[in-house]
Amino acid sequence: MNIRRVFSITLLIGGLIASFLLNVSSSCADNVVSVCVDGSDIADTQFINRMIKDVSRKNSSKVCFVGGSRNDLKFFKNASSLKSASKTDLGSADIIFVKNLKTTINLNKPAFALDCQSLKHCPTCFGVLFWRNGRAMVMIFEERLKKLGIQLPSTYSSYIDSEQYSPCR
């Protein structure tokens, strides 16, 4: 594994980092939970909000989240007020985030994994955010970007790498 090619990002969002993806629950419910939200400032980090805009090429996007439990919904702002999404909602999403998946799910939409486990179960995931040694790491896979027809700005070049270097394999 080529560690030099994995770049860390610093999430400078004051107190929000505590609520962003710090789900210490090790178990995943059998039922998949999904919610959707429309808007431009959806997630708790600037990096994810910028990526949503760059992938969807819209200022205001429909973003869905599929997770193993309600606790995984901490990713979204105002998560407690979000209602469950239907298959129609998921079908109209611009991008879907996944976390704590235990079974393979085919979303037919660009998706981004919020843990290594979900990356293995989601063939449409073009990247992953994971934690290593207490640091947030992002990898975006050039093979999957090409397969999905996604072109990202050059500002993402330090995050784009071949899937063969993924520590999530």
Foldseek 3Di string as FASTA:
>chain_A
DDPVLWDFDDFDQPPLVVLAPPDPDPDFAPDKFKFKDKAQPWFSTPVVSVVLCQQLVDNIFIEMEIERDLSRQSGTPVSVPTDTDDLVSLLRGQEYEYEHDPAADESVHQYAYADLNVPVRYLNDQKYWYDDPNTIIIAGEPVSCVVRVHDGDCVCVSRYDHPVPDPSD
